Amino acid sequence: MDPEKISTALGETPRFSWKAGERRRTPTGQSLEGLNDTTYWCSQSIDGKGFDLASTIGLNLESLESHRSFLTGFCSTGGEVEYFIGWYTDGRNTGETFNSDLLKRLADLGIDLAFDVYGAEQPVVPPVELR
């Protein structure tokens, strides 16, 4: 799928995107060898620290739920949607509970939940990725 169609369907501008079959490029636009294997579209809708992660995802999902038919159709054709969370900690024990209602809302849209946890103090960054 063309990344422009994803942007139009979601009413959002991606942070990064590329199209399958086009020449590979760095995030700054420099040309690389080879062609993109897949189409990729990534937004960064939340950036910060010191907020309730589960509640913030729930609020962000309200926007995505308004695009239910696009997202479920995208997944039904083999597309993958991932809610990626880069979780930065100060090295201390931390955690979060994602209740079954939130997980069901994600599942109903075909959205996978992915975490990368880092042991340094940085903001939590959960973009939505479609590939």
N, C-alpha and C. Protein backbone atom coordinates (compact mmCIF):
# COMPACT_ATOMS: atom_id res chain seq x y z
N MET A 1 0.85 -1.19 0.00
CA MET A 1 0.00 0.00 0.00
C MET A 1 0.89 1.24 0.00
N ASP A 2 0.47 2.23 -0.69
CA ASP A 2 1.19 3.49 -0.75
C ASP A 2 1.07 4.21 0.59
N PRO A 3 2.20 4.68 1.17
CA PRO A 3 2.14 5.41 2.44
C PRO A 3 1.22 6.63 2.40
N GLU A 4 1.07 7.24 1.24
CA GLU A 4 0.16 8.38 1.11
C GLU A 4 -1.29 7.97 1.40
N LYS A 5 -1.65 6.75 0.99
CA LYS A 5 -3.00 6.26 1.25
C LYS A 5 -3.21 6.04 2.75
N ILE A 6 -2.17 5.58 3.43
CA ILE A 6 -2.25 5.40 4.89
C ILE A 6 -2.44 6.76 5.56
N SER A 7 -1.64 7.74 5.14
CA SER A 7 -1.74 9.09 5.71
C SER A 7 -3.13 9.67 5.49
N THR A 8 -3.65 9.50 4.30
CA THR A 8 -4.99 10.01 3.99
C THR A 8 -6.05 9.31 4.84
N ALA A 9 -5.95 7.98 4.93
CA ALA A 9 -6.94 7.21 5.69
C ALA A 9 -6.94 7.56 7.17
N LEU A 10 -5.76 7.81 7.74
CA LEU A 10 -5.66 8.11 9.16
C LEU A 10 -5.69 9.61 9.46
N GLY A 11 -5.58 10.43 8.42
CA GLY A 11 -5.58 11.88 8.63
C GLY A 11 -4.38 12.34 9.42
N GLU A 12 -3.24 11.68 9.19
CA GLU A 12 -2.03 11.96 9.95
C GLU A 12 -0.82 11.98 9.04
N THR A 13 0.17 12.77 9.42
CA THR A 13 1.44 12.79 8.71
C THR A 13 2.41 11.87 9.43
N PRO A 14 3.08 10.98 8.68
CA PRO A 14 3.99 10.05 9.35
C PRO A 14 5.28 10.73 9.78
N ARG A 15 5.90 10.16 10.79
CA ARG A 15 7.24 10.60 11.18
C ARG A 15 8.24 10.04 10.18
N PHE A 16 8.05 8.76 9.80
CA PHE A 16 8.85 8.09 8.79
C PHE A 16 7.91 7.28 7.91
N SER A 17 8.24 7.17 6.64
CA SER A 17 7.50 6.27 5.76
C SER A 17 8.34 5.97 4.54
N TRP A 18 8.08 4.79 3.97
CA TRP A 18 8.66 4.45 2.68
C TRP A 18 7.79 3.42 2.02
N LYS A 19 7.99 3.25 0.72
CA LYS A 19 7.14 2.37 -0.07
C LYS A 19 7.94 1.20 -0.61
N ALA A 20 7.33 0.02 -0.59
CA ALA A 20 7.96 -1.17 -1.15
C ALA A 20 8.31 -0.92 -2.61
N GLY A 21 9.51 -1.36 -2.98
CA GLY A 21 9.95 -1.24 -4.37
C GLY A 21 10.68 0.05 -4.68
N GLU A 22 10.61 1.03 -3.81
CA GLU A 22 11.34 2.28 -4.03
C GLU A 22 12.74 2.16 -3.46
N ARG A 23 13.62 3.02 -3.95
CA ARG A 23 15.01 3.02 -3.48
C ARG A 23 15.06 3.32 -1.98
N ARG A 24 15.91 2.59 -1.26
CA ARG A 24 16.09 2.80 0.18
C ARG A 24 16.77 4.14 0.43
N ARG A 25 16.37 4.80 1.52
CA ARG A 25 16.95 6.09 1.91
C ARG A 25 17.12 6.13 3.42
N THR A 26 18.05 6.94 3.88
CA THR A 26 18.21 7.19 5.31
C THR A 26 17.11 8.13 5.76
N PRO A 27 16.89 8.28 7.09
CA PRO A 27 15.88 9.24 7.56
C PRO A 27 16.12 10.68 7.08
N THR A 28 17.38 11.01 6.75
CA THR A 28 17.68 12.36 6.25
C THR A 28 17.57 12.45 4.74
N GLY A 29 17.22 11.33 4.07
CA GLY A 29 17.00 11.37 2.63
C GLY A 29 18.15 10.90 1.77
N GLN A 30 19.28 10.53 2.37
CA GLN A 30 20.40 10.03 1.59
C GLN A 30 20.06 8.70 0.97
N SER A 31 20.44 8.52 -0.29
CA SER A 31 20.17 7.29 -1.01
C SER A 31 21.04 6.15 -0.48
N LEU A 32 20.44 4.96 -0.36
CA LEU A 32 21.14 3.75 0.05
C LEU A 32 21.03 2.72 -1.06
N GLU A 33 21.83 1.68 -0.98
CA GLU A 33 21.74 0.61 -1.97
C GLU A 33 20.47 -0.21 -1.76
N GLY A 34 19.92 -0.69 -2.83
CA GLY A 34 18.79 -1.60 -2.76
C GLY A 34 17.44 -0.90 -2.73
N LEU A 35 16.41 -1.75 -2.72
CA LEU A 35 15.03 -1.27 -2.70
C LEU A 35 14.36 -1.70 -1.40
N ASN A 36 13.35 -0.95 -0.99
CA ASN A 36 12.58 -1.31 0.19
C ASN A 36 11.82 -2.61 -0.05
N ASP A 37 11.93 -3.55 0.90
CA ASP A 37 11.21 -4.82 0.81
C ASP A 37 9.72 -4.65 1.09
N THR A 38 9.41 -3.73 2.01
CA THR A 38 8.03 -3.54 2.46
C THR A 38 7.70 -2.06 2.50
N THR A 39 6.43 -1.78 2.60
CA THR A 39 5.98 -0.42 2.87
C THR A 39 5.96 -0.24 4.38
N TYR A 40 6.35 0.94 4.82
CA TYR A 40 6.44 1.23 6.26
C TYR A 40 5.88 2.62 6.48
N TRP A 41 5.10 2.77 7.56
CA TRP A 41 4.51 4.07 7.91
C TRP A 41 4.52 4.15 9.43
N CYS A 42 5.06 5.23 9.98
CA CYS A 42 5.21 5.34 11.43
C CYS A 42 4.88 6.75 11.87
N SER A 43 3.98 6.86 12.85
CA SER A 43 3.71 8.17 13.46
C SER A 43 4.24 8.15 14.88
N GLN A 44 4.45 9.30 15.41
CA GLN A 44 4.82 9.42 16.83
C GLN A 44 3.80 10.32 17.47
N SER A 45 2.78 9.69 18.02
CA SER A 45 1.67 10.48 18.52
C SER A 45 1.80 10.86 19.99
N ILE A 46 2.69 10.20 20.72
CA ILE A 46 2.87 10.54 22.13
C ILE A 46 4.37 10.58 22.42
N ASP A 47 4.79 11.58 23.13
CA ASP A 47 6.20 11.70 23.51
C ASP A 47 6.24 12.43 24.84
N GLY A 48 6.87 11.85 25.81
CA GLY A 48 6.96 12.53 27.09
C GLY A 48 7.28 11.57 28.21
N LYS A 49 7.22 12.09 29.42
CA LYS A 49 7.46 11.23 30.58
C LYS A 49 6.55 11.66 31.71
N GLY A 50 6.38 10.76 32.68
CA GLY A 50 5.59 11.08 33.86
C GLY A 50 4.10 11.02 33.65
N PHE A 51 3.63 10.21 32.69
CA PHE A 51 2.19 10.07 32.51
C PHE A 51 1.79 8.61 32.68
N ASP A 52 0.51 8.37 32.88
CA ASP A 52 -0.03 7.02 33.03
C ASP A 52 -0.10 6.40 31.64
N LEU A 53 0.77 5.43 31.38
CA LEU A 53 0.91 4.86 30.05
C LEU A 53 -0.38 4.21 29.56
N ALA A 54 -0.99 3.37 30.37
CA ALA A 54 -2.21 2.68 29.94
C ALA A 54 -3.33 3.67 29.61
N SER A 55 -3.52 4.68 30.44
CA SER A 55 -4.56 5.69 30.18
C SER A 55 -4.26 6.48 28.91
N THR A 56 -3.00 6.80 28.71
CA THR A 56 -2.60 7.57 27.53
C THR A 56 -2.83 6.76 26.26
N ILE A 57 -2.50 5.47 26.30
CA ILE A 57 -2.77 4.61 25.14
C ILE A 57 -4.28 4.55 24.90
N GLY A 58 -5.05 4.42 25.97
CA GLY A 58 -6.51 4.39 25.84
C GLY A 58 -7.06 5.63 25.16
N LEU A 59 -6.55 6.79 25.53
CA LEU A 59 -6.99 8.04 24.90
C LEU A 59 -6.56 8.08 23.43
N ASN A 60 -5.35 7.64 23.15
CA ASN A 60 -4.85 7.62 21.78
C ASN A 60 -5.66 6.65 20.91
N LEU A 61 -6.11 5.56 21.52
CA LEU A 61 -6.92 4.58 20.79
C LEU A 61 -8.25 5.15 20.31
N GLU A 62 -8.78 6.14 21.04
CA GLU A 62 -10.04 6.76 20.61
C GLU A 62 -9.91 7.29 19.19
N SER A 63 -8.78 7.90 18.87
CA SER A 63 -8.54 8.39 17.52
C SER A 63 -8.45 7.23 16.53
N LEU A 64 -7.72 6.19 16.91
CA LEU A 64 -7.55 5.05 16.00
C LEU A 64 -8.86 4.29 15.78
N GLU A 65 -9.71 4.24 16.81
CA GLU A 65 -10.99 3.54 16.68
C GLU A 65 -11.90 4.21 15.65
N SER A 66 -11.71 5.49 15.42
CA SER A 66 -12.51 6.16 14.40
C SER A 66 -12.09 5.72 12.99
N HIS A 67 -10.99 5.00 12.89
CA HIS A 67 -10.49 4.48 11.61
C HIS A 67 -10.55 2.95 11.58
N ARG A 68 -11.47 2.39 12.35
CA ARG A 68 -11.61 0.94 12.50
C ARG A 68 -11.66 0.21 11.15
N SER A 69 -12.51 0.65 10.23
CA SER A 69 -12.67 -0.09 8.97
C SER A 69 -11.36 -0.10 8.17
N PHE A 70 -10.65 1.00 8.17
CA PHE A 70 -9.36 1.02 7.46
C PHE A 70 -8.37 0.06 8.11
N LEU A 71 -8.24 0.13 9.44
CA LEU A 71 -7.26 -0.71 10.14
C LEU A 71 -7.58 -2.19 10.02
N THR A 72 -8.83 -2.57 10.21
CA THR A 72 -9.17 -3.99 10.12
C THR A 72 -9.05 -4.48 8.67
N GLY A 73 -9.40 -3.63 7.72
CA GLY A 73 -9.23 -3.98 6.31
C GLY A 73 -7.76 -4.13 5.96
N PHE A 74 -6.94 -3.25 6.47
CA PHE A 74 -5.49 -3.30 6.25
C PHE A 74 -4.94 -4.62 6.77
N CYS A 75 -5.33 -5.01 7.98
CA CYS A 75 -4.86 -6.27 8.58
C CYS A 75 -5.39 -7.49 7.83
N SER A 76 -6.62 -7.40 7.32
CA SER A 76 -7.20 -8.55 6.63
C SER A 76 -6.50 -8.85 5.31
N THR A 77 -5.75 -7.90 4.78
CA THR A 77 -5.01 -8.11 3.53
C THR A 77 -3.54 -8.45 3.78
N GLY A 78 -3.20 -8.73 5.05
CA GLY A 78 -1.82 -9.12 5.36
C GLY A 78 -0.99 -8.01 5.97
N GLY A 79 -1.54 -6.83 6.10
CA GLY A 79 -0.82 -5.74 6.74
C GLY A 79 -0.70 -5.97 8.24
N GLU A 80 0.29 -5.36 8.84
CA GLU A 80 0.49 -5.47 10.28
C GLU A 80 0.48 -4.08 10.90
N VAL A 81 -0.19 -3.95 12.03
CA VAL A 81 -0.24 -2.70 12.76
C VAL A 81 0.34 -2.97 14.14
N GLU A 82 1.28 -2.16 14.54
CA GLU A 82 1.97 -2.35 15.82
C GLU A 82 1.98 -1.05 16.60
N TYR A 83 1.60 -1.13 17.85
CA TYR A 83 1.70 0.00 18.76
C TYR A 83 3.01 -0.23 19.51
N PHE A 84 4.03 0.50 19.11
CA PHE A 84 5.37 0.32 19.66
C PHE A 84 5.60 1.29 20.80
N ILE A 85 6.11 0.77 21.90
CA ILE A 85 6.41 1.60 23.06
C ILE A 85 7.88 1.46 23.40
N GLY A 86 8.60 2.56 23.30
CA GLY A 86 9.98 2.63 23.79
C GLY A 86 9.90 3.13 25.22
N TRP A 87 10.15 2.26 26.18
CA TRP A 87 9.98 2.58 27.60
C TRP A 87 11.36 2.76 28.23
N TYR A 88 11.65 3.98 28.62
CA TYR A 88 12.95 4.31 29.22
C TYR A 88 12.77 4.41 30.73
N THR A 89 13.61 3.69 31.46
CA THR A 89 13.55 3.74 32.92
C THR A 89 14.87 4.28 33.46
N ASP A 90 14.88 4.60 34.72
CA ASP A 90 16.11 5.06 35.34
C ASP A 90 16.88 3.89 35.96
N GLY A 91 16.53 2.68 35.54
CA GLY A 91 17.19 1.49 36.05
C GLY A 91 16.50 0.88 37.24
N ARG A 92 15.51 1.57 37.79
CA ARG A 92 14.75 1.02 38.92
C ARG A 92 13.61 0.15 38.41
N ASN A 93 13.08 -0.66 39.31
CA ASN A 93 11.95 -1.50 38.99
C ASN A 93 10.74 -0.63 38.65
N THR A 94 10.05 -0.96 37.56
CA THR A 94 8.87 -0.21 37.15
C THR A 94 7.91 -1.17 36.46
N GLY A 95 6.71 -0.76 36.27
CA GLY A 95 5.74 -1.62 35.60
C GLY A 95 4.46 -0.88 35.28
N GLU A 96 3.58 -1.56 34.59
CA GLU A 96 2.30 -0.98 34.17
C GLU A 96 1.34 -2.14 33.97
N THR A 97 0.08 -1.93 34.27
CA THR A 97 -0.95 -2.94 34.01
C THR A 97 -1.82 -2.45 32.86
N PHE A 98 -1.99 -3.32 31.87
CA PHE A 98 -2.88 -3.05 30.76
C PHE A 98 -4.09 -3.94 30.96
N ASN A 99 -5.22 -3.34 31.36
CA ASN A 99 -6.39 -4.15 31.69
C ASN A 99 -6.97 -4.81 30.43
N SER A 100 -7.83 -5.78 30.66
CA SER A 100 -8.38 -6.57 29.56
C SER A 100 -9.20 -5.70 28.59
N ASP A 101 -9.84 -4.65 29.09
CA ASP A 101 -10.61 -3.77 28.19
C ASP A 101 -9.69 -3.07 27.19
N LEU A 102 -8.55 -2.56 27.67
CA LEU A 102 -7.60 -1.90 26.77
C LEU A 102 -7.04 -2.91 25.77
N LEU A 103 -6.67 -4.09 26.24
CA LEU A 103 -6.12 -5.11 25.35
C LEU A 103 -7.15 -5.55 24.31
N LYS A 104 -8.42 -5.63 24.71
CA LYS A 104 -9.48 -5.98 23.76
C LYS A 104 -9.65 -4.91 22.70
N ARG A 105 -9.58 -3.65 23.11
CA ARG A 105 -9.69 -2.56 22.13
C ARG A 105 -8.57 -2.64 21.10
N LEU A 106 -7.35 -2.92 21.56
CA LEU A 106 -6.22 -3.09 20.64
C LEU A 106 -6.48 -4.28 19.71
N ALA A 107 -6.89 -5.41 20.29
CA ALA A 107 -7.12 -6.63 19.51
C ALA A 107 -8.24 -6.44 18.49
N ASP A 108 -9.30 -5.72 18.87
CA ASP A 108 -10.42 -5.49 17.96
C ASP A 108 -10.00 -4.70 16.72
N LEU A 109 -8.94 -3.92 16.84
CA LEU A 109 -8.42 -3.16 15.70
C LEU A 109 -7.31 -3.91 14.97
N GLY A 110 -6.91 -5.06 15.51
CA GLY A 110 -5.81 -5.83 14.91
C GLY A 110 -4.44 -5.25 15.23
N ILE A 111 -4.35 -4.52 16.35
CA ILE A 111 -3.10 -3.84 16.71
C ILE A 111 -2.31 -4.69 17.70
N ASP A 112 -1.05 -4.99 17.34
CA ASP A 112 -0.13 -5.67 18.24
C ASP A 112 0.51 -4.65 19.17
N LEU A 113 0.87 -5.09 20.37
CA LEU A 113 1.52 -4.23 21.36
C LEU A 113 2.97 -4.68 21.49
N ALA A 114 3.91 -3.77 21.27
CA ALA A 114 5.34 -4.10 21.31
C ALA A 114 6.06 -3.15 22.26
N PHE A 115 6.99 -3.69 23.03
CA PHE A 115 7.77 -2.90 23.98
C PHE A 115 9.26 -3.08 23.72
N ASP A 116 9.99 -2.00 23.77
CA ASP A 116 11.44 -2.00 23.95
C ASP A 116 11.65 -1.26 25.26
N VAL A 117 12.31 -1.90 26.22
CA VAL A 117 12.54 -1.29 27.52
C VAL A 117 14.01 -0.97 27.65
N TYR A 118 14.31 0.29 27.99
CA TYR A 118 15.67 0.78 28.08
C TYR A 118 15.96 1.22 29.51
N GLY A 119 17.17 1.00 29.98
CA GLY A 119 17.53 1.35 31.35
C GLY A 119 18.16 2.71 31.48
N ALA A 120 17.67 3.71 30.80
CA ALA A 120 18.17 5.08 30.91
C ALA A 120 16.96 6.00 30.96
N GLU A 121 17.11 7.13 31.63
CA GLU A 121 15.98 8.05 31.76
C GLU A 121 15.79 8.83 30.47
N GLN A 122 14.73 8.52 29.74
CA GLN A 122 14.35 9.15 28.49
C GLN A 122 12.83 9.16 28.43
N PRO A 123 12.24 9.89 27.48
CA PRO A 123 10.78 9.89 27.36
C PRO A 123 10.24 8.58 26.80
N VAL A 124 9.00 8.25 27.13
CA VAL A 124 8.30 7.11 26.56
C VAL A 124 7.79 7.54 25.20
N VAL A 125 8.02 6.74 24.17
CA VAL A 125 7.65 7.10 22.81
C VAL A 125 6.85 5.98 22.15
N PRO A 126 5.51 6.02 22.17
CA PRO A 126 4.76 4.97 21.51
C PRO A 126 4.15 5.39 20.17
N PRO A 127 4.86 5.18 19.07
CA PRO A 127 4.25 5.47 17.78
C PRO A 127 3.36 4.32 17.33
N VAL A 128 2.57 4.56 16.35
CA VAL A 128 1.79 3.52 15.70
C VAL A 128 2.48 3.21 14.41
N GLU A 129 2.73 1.94 14.15
CA GLU A 129 3.44 1.54 12.93
C GLU A 129 2.54 0.66 12.08
N LEU A 130 2.53 0.91 10.77
CA LEU A 130 1.83 0.07 9.83
C LEU A 130 2.83 -0.37 8.79
N ARG A 131 2.88 -1.66 8.54
CA ARG A 131 3.79 -2.15 7.50
C ARG A 131 3.14 -3.25 6.74
